[in-house]
Amino acid sequence: MNTVEFGLMYHSFETNITGMQLMMGFAQCAQDEEVKKYFTKGKELSKEILKQTEDILLGNHIQPPPHREAR
């Protein structure tokens, strides 16, 4: 993995962490049940992308940035 690829992976990681946290907050504030489900689905998608990105980084012996799991 070269420097450019690492930069893109890191940016993907940071973007998905931010998106996951935003969707979790929006889901908590949403009053419509369908909107809540939509944001919860987005949060789960971000978690999946984070897991895949983390696996790629670890596979290349690179420690991924720390993140807190959204509940």
PDB file of N, CA and C in Angstrom:
ATOM      1  N   MET A   1       0.856  -1.159   0.000  1.00  0.00           N
ATOM      2  CA  MET A   1       0.000   0.000   0.000  1.00  0.00           C
ATOM      3  C   MET A   1       0.909   1.230   0.000  1.00  0.00           C
ATOM      4  N   ASN A   2       0.665   2.142  -0.933  1.00  0.00           N
ATOM      5  CA  ASN A   2       1.487   3.344  -0.972  1.00  0.00           C
ATOM      6  C   ASN A   2       0.839   4.481  -0.179  1.00  0.00           C
ATOM      7  N   THR A   3       1.528   5.595  -0.132  1.00  0.00           N
ATOM      8  CA  THR A   3       1.084   6.723   0.690  1.00  0.00           C
ATOM      9  C   THR A   3      -0.263   7.274   0.234  1.00  0.00           C
ATOM     10  N   VAL A   4      -0.473   7.373  -1.061  1.00  0.00           N
ATOM     11  CA  VAL A   4      -1.738   7.904  -1.581  1.00  0.00           C
ATOM     12  C   VAL A   4      -2.890   6.984  -1.205  1.00  0.00           C
ATOM     13  N   GLU A   5      -2.693   5.687  -1.373  1.00  0.00           N
ATOM     14  CA  GLU A   5      -3.739   4.726  -1.010  1.00  0.00           C
ATOM     15  C   GLU A   5      -4.044   4.789   0.482  1.00  0.00           C
ATOM     16  N   PHE A   6      -2.995   4.892   1.285  1.00  0.00           N
ATOM     17  CA  PHE A   6      -3.203   4.997   2.728  1.00  0.00           C
ATOM     18  C   PHE A   6      -4.002   6.255   3.068  1.00  0.00           C
ATOM     19  N   GLY A   7      -3.664   7.358   2.428  1.00  0.00           N
ATOM     20  CA  GLY A   7      -4.390   8.608   2.672  1.00  0.00           C
ATOM     21  C   GLY A   7      -5.871   8.484   2.346  1.00  0.00           C
ATOM     22  N   LEU A   8      -6.166   7.822   1.244  1.00  0.00           N
ATOM     23  CA  LEU A   8      -7.564   7.628   0.856  1.00  0.00           C
ATOM     24  C   LEU A   8      -8.298   6.706   1.835  1.00  0.00           C
ATOM     25  N   MET A   9      -7.621   5.658   2.290  1.00  0.00           N
ATOM     26  CA  MET A   9      -8.235   4.746   3.259  1.00  0.00           C
ATOM     27  C   MET A   9      -8.494   5.468   4.583  1.00  0.00           C
ATOM     28  N   TYR A  10      -7.528   6.257   5.014  1.00  0.00           N
ATOM     29  CA  TYR A  10      -7.672   7.002   6.262  1.00  0.00           C
ATOM     30  C   TYR A  10      -8.830   7.996   6.159  1.00  0.00           C
ATOM     31  N   HIS A  11      -8.905   8.682   5.014  1.00  0.00           N
ATOM     32  CA  HIS A  11      -9.998   9.642   4.803  1.00  0.00           C
ATOM     33  C   HIS A  11     -11.353   8.920   4.818  1.00  0.00           C
ATOM     34  N   SER A  12     -11.429   7.755   4.191  1.00  0.00           N
ATOM     35  CA  SER A  12     -12.653   6.959   4.203  1.00  0.00           C
ATOM     36  C   SER A  12     -13.041   6.602   5.629  1.00  0.00           C
ATOM     37  N   PHE A  13     -12.050   6.213   6.418  1.00  0.00           N
ATOM     38  CA  PHE A  13     -12.293   5.839   7.807  1.00  0.00           C
ATOM     39  C   PHE A  13     -12.864   7.013   8.595  1.00  0.00           C
ATOM     40  N   GLU A  14     -12.198   8.166   8.497  1.00  0.00           N
ATOM     41  CA  GLU A  14     -12.639   9.350   9.238  1.00  0.00           C
ATOM     42  C   GLU A  14     -14.024   9.818   8.782  1.00  0.00           C
ATOM     43  N   THR A  15     -14.277   9.787   7.486  1.00  0.00           N
ATOM     44  CA  THR A  15     -15.569  10.205   6.947  1.00  0.00           C
ATOM     45  C   THR A  15     -16.692   9.307   7.451  1.00  0.00           C
ATOM     46  N   ASN A  16     -16.455   8.010   7.483  1.00  0.00           N
ATOM     47  CA  ASN A  16     -17.488   7.082   7.931  1.00  0.00           C
ATOM     48  C   ASN A  16     -17.720   7.164   9.438  1.00  0.00           C
ATOM     49  N   ILE A  17     -16.693   7.464  10.213  1.00  0.00           N
ATOM     50  CA  ILE A  17     -16.878   7.657  11.647  1.00  0.00           C
ATOM     51  C   ILE A  17     -17.798   8.851  11.888  1.00  0.00           C
ATOM     52  N   THR A  18     -17.503   9.955  11.196  1.00  0.00           N
ATOM     53  CA  THR A  18     -18.318  11.161  11.341  1.00  0.00           C
ATOM     54  C   THR A  18     -19.752  10.905  10.883  1.00  0.00           C
ATOM     55  N   GLY A  19     -19.905  10.254   9.736  1.00  0.00           N
ATOM     56  CA  GLY A  19     -21.244   9.963   9.217  1.00  0.00           C
ATOM     57  C   GLY A  19     -22.030   9.062  10.137  1.00  0.00           C
ATOM     58  N   MET A  20     -21.363   8.063  10.698  1.00  0.00           N
ATOM     59  CA  MET A  20     -22.039   7.137  11.604  1.00  0.00           C
ATOM     60  C   MET A  20     -22.547   7.873  12.848  1.00  0.00           C
ATOM     61  N   GLN A  21     -21.728   8.757  13.386  1.00  0.00           N
ATOM     62  CA  GLN A  21     -22.130   9.492  14.575  1.00  0.00           C
ATOM     63  C   GLN A  21     -23.271  10.463  14.266  1.00  0.00           C
ATOM     64  N   LEU A  22     -23.216  11.110  13.109  1.00  0.00           N
ATOM     65  CA  LEU A  22     -24.302  12.008  12.720  1.00  0.00           C
ATOM     66  C   LEU A  22     -25.621  11.254  12.538  1.00  0.00           C
ATOM     67  N   MET A  23     -25.561  10.109  11.857  1.00  0.00           N
ATOM     68  CA  MET A  23     -26.784   9.335  11.629  1.00  0.00           C
ATOM     69  C   MET A  23     -27.368   8.812  12.929  1.00  0.00           C
ATOM     70  N   MET A  24     -26.498   8.455  13.864  1.00  0.00           N
ATOM     71  CA  MET A  24     -26.982   8.000  15.157  1.00  0.00           C
ATOM     72  C   MET A  24     -27.720   9.141  15.868  1.00  0.00           C
ATOM     73  N   GLY A  25     -27.150  10.334  15.816  1.00  0.00           N
ATOM     74  CA  GLY A  25     -27.800  11.486  16.438  1.00  0.00           C
ATOM     75  C   GLY A  25     -29.117  11.830  15.774  1.00  0.00           C
ATOM     76  N   PHE A  26     -29.150  11.816  14.431  1.00  0.00           N
ATOM     77  CA  PHE A  26     -30.391  12.109  13.715  1.00  0.00           C
ATOM     78  C   PHE A  26     -31.455  11.053  14.005  1.00  0.00           C
ATOM     79  N   ALA A  27     -31.051   9.788  14.105  1.00  0.00           N
ATOM     80  CA  ALA A  27     -32.006   8.714  14.398  1.00  0.00           C
ATOM     81  C   ALA A  27     -32.615   8.905  15.783  1.00  0.00           C
ATOM     82  N   GLN A  28     -31.818   9.375  16.731  1.00  0.00           N
ATOM     83  CA  GLN A  28     -32.328   9.587  18.084  1.00  0.00           C
ATOM     84  C   GLN A  28     -33.322  10.740  18.141  1.00  0.00           C
ATOM     85  N   CYS A  29     -33.151  11.723  17.249  1.00  0.00           N
ATOM     86  CA  CYS A  29     -34.024  12.906  17.265  1.00  0.00           C
ATOM     87  C   CYS A  29     -35.237  12.768  16.358  1.00  0.00           C
ATOM     88  N   ALA A  30     -35.195  11.836  15.431  1.00  0.00           N
ATOM     89  CA  ALA A  30     -36.281  11.696  14.455  1.00  0.00           C
ATOM     90  C   ALA A  30     -37.569  11.255  15.158  1.00  0.00           C
ATOM     91  N   GLN A  31     -38.673  11.863  14.755  1.00  0.00           N
ATOM     92  CA  GLN A  31     -39.956  11.500  15.345  1.00  0.00           C
ATOM     93  C   GLN A  31     -40.694  10.472  14.491  1.00  0.00           C
ATOM     94  N   ASP A  32     -40.457  10.496  13.187  1.00  0.00           N
ATOM     95  CA  ASP A  32     -41.094   9.551  12.283  1.00  0.00           C
ATOM     96  C   ASP A  32     -40.319   8.223  12.312  1.00  0.00           C
ATOM     97  N   GLU A  33     -41.028   7.132  12.498  1.00  0.00           N
ATOM     98  CA  GLU A  33     -40.393   5.813  12.620  1.00  0.00           C
ATOM     99  C   GLU A  33     -39.658   5.412  11.341  1.00  0.00           C
ATOM    100  N   GLU A  34     -40.197   5.771  10.184  1.00  0.00           N
ATOM    101  CA  GLU A  34     -39.545   5.441   8.919  1.00  0.00           C
ATOM    102  C   GLU A  34     -38.213   6.188   8.783  1.00  0.00           C
ATOM    103  N   VAL A  35     -38.182   7.427   9.217  1.00  0.00           N
ATOM    104  CA  VAL A  35     -36.946   8.218   9.179  1.00  0.00           C
ATOM    105  C   VAL A  35     -35.915   7.613  10.134  1.00  0.00           C
ATOM    106  N   LYS A  36     -36.365   7.190  11.310  1.00  0.00           N
ATOM    107  CA  LYS A  36     -35.470   6.538  12.275  1.00  0.00           C
ATOM    108  C   LYS A  36     -34.825   5.292  11.670  1.00  0.00           C
ATOM    109  N   LYS A  37     -35.638   4.483  11.000  1.00  0.00           N
ATOM    110  CA  LYS A  37     -35.127   3.262  10.378  1.00  0.00           C
ATOM    111  C   LYS A  37     -34.107   3.592   9.286  1.00  0.00           C
ATOM    112  N   TYR A  38     -34.371   4.648   8.530  1.00  0.00           N
ATOM    113  CA  TYR A  38     -33.476   5.064   7.454  1.00  0.00           C
ATOM    114  C   TYR A  38     -32.103   5.436   8.016  1.00  0.00           C
ATOM    115  N   PHE A  39     -32.083   6.242   9.077  1.00  0.00           N
ATOM    116  CA  PHE A  39     -30.815   6.644   9.675  1.00  0.00           C
ATOM    117  C   PHE A  39     -30.120   5.473  10.359  1.00  0.00           C
ATOM    118  N   THR A  40     -30.872   4.587  10.965  1.00  0.00           N
ATOM    119  CA  THR A  40     -30.282   3.407  11.602  1.00  0.00           C
ATOM    120  C   THR A  40     -29.643   2.506  10.549  1.00  0.00           C
ATOM    121  N   LYS A  41     -30.306   2.371   9.407  1.00  0.00           N
ATOM    122  CA  LYS A  41     -29.750   1.577   8.306  1.00  0.00           C
ATOM    123  C   LYS A  41     -28.445   2.213   7.802  1.00  0.00           C
ATOM    124  N   GLY A  42     -28.409   3.525   7.713  1.00  0.00           N
ATOM    125  CA  GLY A  42     -27.196   4.236   7.300  1.00  0.00           C
ATOM    126  C   GLY A  42     -26.064   4.053   8.289  1.00  0.00           C
ATOM    127  N   LYS A  43     -26.401   4.060   9.582  1.00  0.00           N
ATOM    128  CA  LYS A  43     -25.394   3.845  10.621  1.00  0.00           C
ATOM    129  C   LYS A  43     -24.796   2.449  10.487  1.00  0.00           C
ATOM    130  N   GLU A  44     -25.632   1.452  10.254  1.00  0.00           N
ATOM    131  CA  GLU A  44     -25.155   0.079  10.095  1.00  0.00           C
ATOM    132  C   GLU A  44     -24.277  -0.054   8.848  1.00  0.00           C
ATOM    133  N   LEU A  45     -24.630   0.637   7.773  1.00  0.00           N
ATOM    134  CA  LEU A  45     -23.818   0.622   6.561  1.00  0.00           C
ATOM    135  C   LEU A  45     -22.437   1.220   6.839  1.00  0.00           C
ATOM    136  N   SER A  46     -22.391   2.317   7.574  1.00  0.00           N
ATOM    137  CA  SER A  46     -21.110   2.936   7.929  1.00  0.00           C
ATOM    138  C   SER A  46     -20.273   2.000   8.783  1.00  0.00           C
ATOM    139  N   LYS A  47     -20.912   1.287   9.719  1.00  0.00           N
ATOM    140  CA  LYS A  47     -20.175   0.333  10.549  1.00  0.00           C
ATOM    141  C   LYS A  47     -19.556  -0.771   9.693  1.00  0.00           C
ATOM    142  N   GLU A  48     -20.306  -1.230   8.697  1.00  0.00           N
ATOM    143  CA  GLU A  48     -19.813  -2.278   7.805  1.00  0.00           C
ATOM    144  C   GLU A  48     -18.611  -1.775   6.991  1.00  0.00           C
ATOM    145  N   ILE A  49     -18.714  -0.561   6.479  1.00  0.00           N
ATOM    146  CA  ILE A  49     -17.615   0.027   5.706  1.00  0.00           C
ATOM    147  C   ILE A  49     -16.384   0.204   6.592  1.00  0.00           C
ATOM    148  N   LEU A  50     -16.593   0.647   7.836  1.00  0.00           N
ATOM    149  CA  LEU A  50     -15.471   0.794   8.766  1.00  0.00           C
ATOM    150  C   LEU A  50     -14.782  -0.543   9.010  1.00  0.00           C
ATOM    151  N   LYS A  51     -15.556  -1.589   9.181  1.00  0.00           N
ATOM    152  CA  LYS A  51     -14.993  -2.916   9.421  1.00  0.00           C
ATOM    153  C   LYS A  51     -14.157  -3.364   8.226  1.00  0.00           C
ATOM    154  N   GLN A  52     -14.672  -3.161   7.016  1.00  0.00           N
ATOM    155  CA  GLN A  52     -13.942  -3.553   5.815  1.00  0.00           C
ATOM    156  C   GLN A  52     -12.660  -2.739   5.654  1.00  0.00           C
ATOM    157  N   THR A  53     -12.737  -1.449   5.902  1.00  0.00           N
ATOM    158  CA  THR A  53     -11.559  -0.586   5.804  1.00  0.00           C
ATOM    159  C   THR A  53     -10.518  -0.976   6.846  1.00  0.00           C
ATOM    160  N   GLU A  54     -10.991  -1.256   8.060  1.00  0.00           N
ATOM    161  CA  GLU A  54     -10.092  -1.679   9.128  1.00  0.00           C
ATOM    162  C   GLU A  54      -9.387  -2.987   8.749  1.00  0.00           C
ATOM    163  N   ASP A  55     -10.104  -3.922   8.161  1.00  0.00           N
ATOM    164  CA  ASP A  55      -9.513  -5.194   7.742  1.00  0.00           C
ATOM    165  C   ASP A  55      -8.433  -4.989   6.684  1.00  0.00           C
ATOM    166  N   ILE A  56      -8.668  -4.079   5.747  1.00  0.00           N
ATOM    167  CA  ILE A  56      -7.671  -3.803   4.711  1.00  0.00           C
ATOM    168  C   ILE A  56      -6.411  -3.210   5.326  1.00  0.00           C
ATOM    169  N   LEU A  57      -6.596  -2.238   6.228  1.00  0.00           N
ATOM    170  CA  LEU A  57      -5.431  -1.623   6.873  1.00  0.00           C
ATOM    171  C   LEU A  57      -4.657  -2.648   7.696  1.00  0.00           C
ATOM    172  N   LEU A  58      -5.362  -3.444   8.493  1.00  0.00           N
ATOM    173  CA  LEU A  58      -4.684  -4.450   9.309  1.00  0.00           C
ATOM    174  C   LEU A  58      -3.995  -5.509   8.441  1.00  0.00           C
ATOM    175  N   GLY A  59      -4.592  -5.818   7.306  1.00  0.00           N
ATOM    176  CA  GLY A  59      -3.988  -6.768   6.379  1.00  0.00           C
ATOM    177  C   GLY A  59      -2.671  -6.263   5.801  1.00  0.00           C
ATOM    178  N   ASN A  60      -2.494  -4.954   5.808  1.00  0.00           N
ATOM    179  CA  ASN A  60      -1.259  -4.341   5.334  1.00  0.00           C
ATOM    180  C   ASN A  60      -0.370  -3.898   6.494  1.00  0.00           C
ATOM    181  N   HIS A  61      -0.640  -4.432   7.673  1.00  0.00           N
ATOM    182  CA  HIS A  61       0.150  -4.154   8.881  1.00  0.00           C
ATOM    183  C   HIS A  61       0.163  -2.669   9.243  1.00  0.00           C
ATOM    184  N   ILE A  62      -0.993  -2.028   9.089  1.00  0.00           N
ATOM    185  CA  ILE A  62      -1.154  -0.617   9.451  1.00  0.00           C
ATOM    186  C   ILE A  62      -2.247  -0.537  10.506  1.00  0.00           C
ATOM    187  N   GLN A  63      -1.937   0.090  11.618  1.00  0.00           N
ATOM    188  CA  GLN A  63      -2.927   0.242  12.691  1.00  0.00           C
ATOM    189  C   GLN A  63      -3.970   1.272  12.271  1.00  0.00           C
ATOM    190  N   PRO A  64      -5.255   0.907  12.225  1.00  0.00           N
ATOM    191  CA  PRO A  64      -6.293   1.872  11.858  1.00  0.00           C
ATOM    192  C   PRO A  64      -6.487   2.901  12.975  1.00  0.00           C
ATOM    193  N   PRO A  65      -7.050   4.065  12.636  1.00  0.00           N
ATOM    194  CA  PRO A  65      -7.307   5.069  13.677  1.00  0.00           C
ATOM    195  C   PRO A  65      -8.299   4.535  14.704  1.00  0.00           C
ATOM    196  N   PRO A  66      -8.148   4.888  15.945  1.00  0.00           N
ATOM    197  CA  PRO A  66      -9.098   4.418  16.969  1.00  0.00           C
ATOM    198  C   PRO A  66     -10.470   5.065  16.753  1.00  0.00           C
ATOM    199  N   HIS A  67     -11.502   4.320  17.041  1.00  0.00           N
ATOM    200  CA  HIS A  67     -12.852   4.853  16.965  1.00  0.00           C
ATOM    201  C   HIS A  67     -13.722   4.158  18.000  1.00  0.00           C
ATOM    202  N   ARG A  68     -14.734   4.880  18.397  1.00  0.00           N
ATOM    203  CA  ARG A  68     -15.688   4.325  19.364  1.00  0.00           C
ATOM    204  C   ARG A  68     -16.871   3.770  18.606  1.00  0.00           C
ATOM    205  N   GLU A  69     -17.280   2.604  18.995  1.00  0.00           N
ATOM    206  CA  GLU A  69     -18.435   1.947  18.377  1.00  0.00           C
ATOM    207  C   GLU A  69     -19.705   2.704  18.733  1.00  0.00           C
ATOM    208  N   ALA A  70     -20.494   3.057  17.716  1.00  0.00           N
ATOM    209  CA  ALA A  70     -21.784   3.705  17.960  1.00  0.00           C
ATOM    210  C   ALA A  70     -22.773   2.648  18.412  1.00  0.00           C
ATOM    211  N   ARG A  71     -23.561   2.959  19.382  1.00  0.00           N
ATOM    212  CA  ARG A  71     -24.527   1.981  19.904  1.00  0.00           C
ATOM    213  C   ARG A  71     -25.922   2.297  19.461  1.00  0.00           C
TER     214      ARG A  71
END
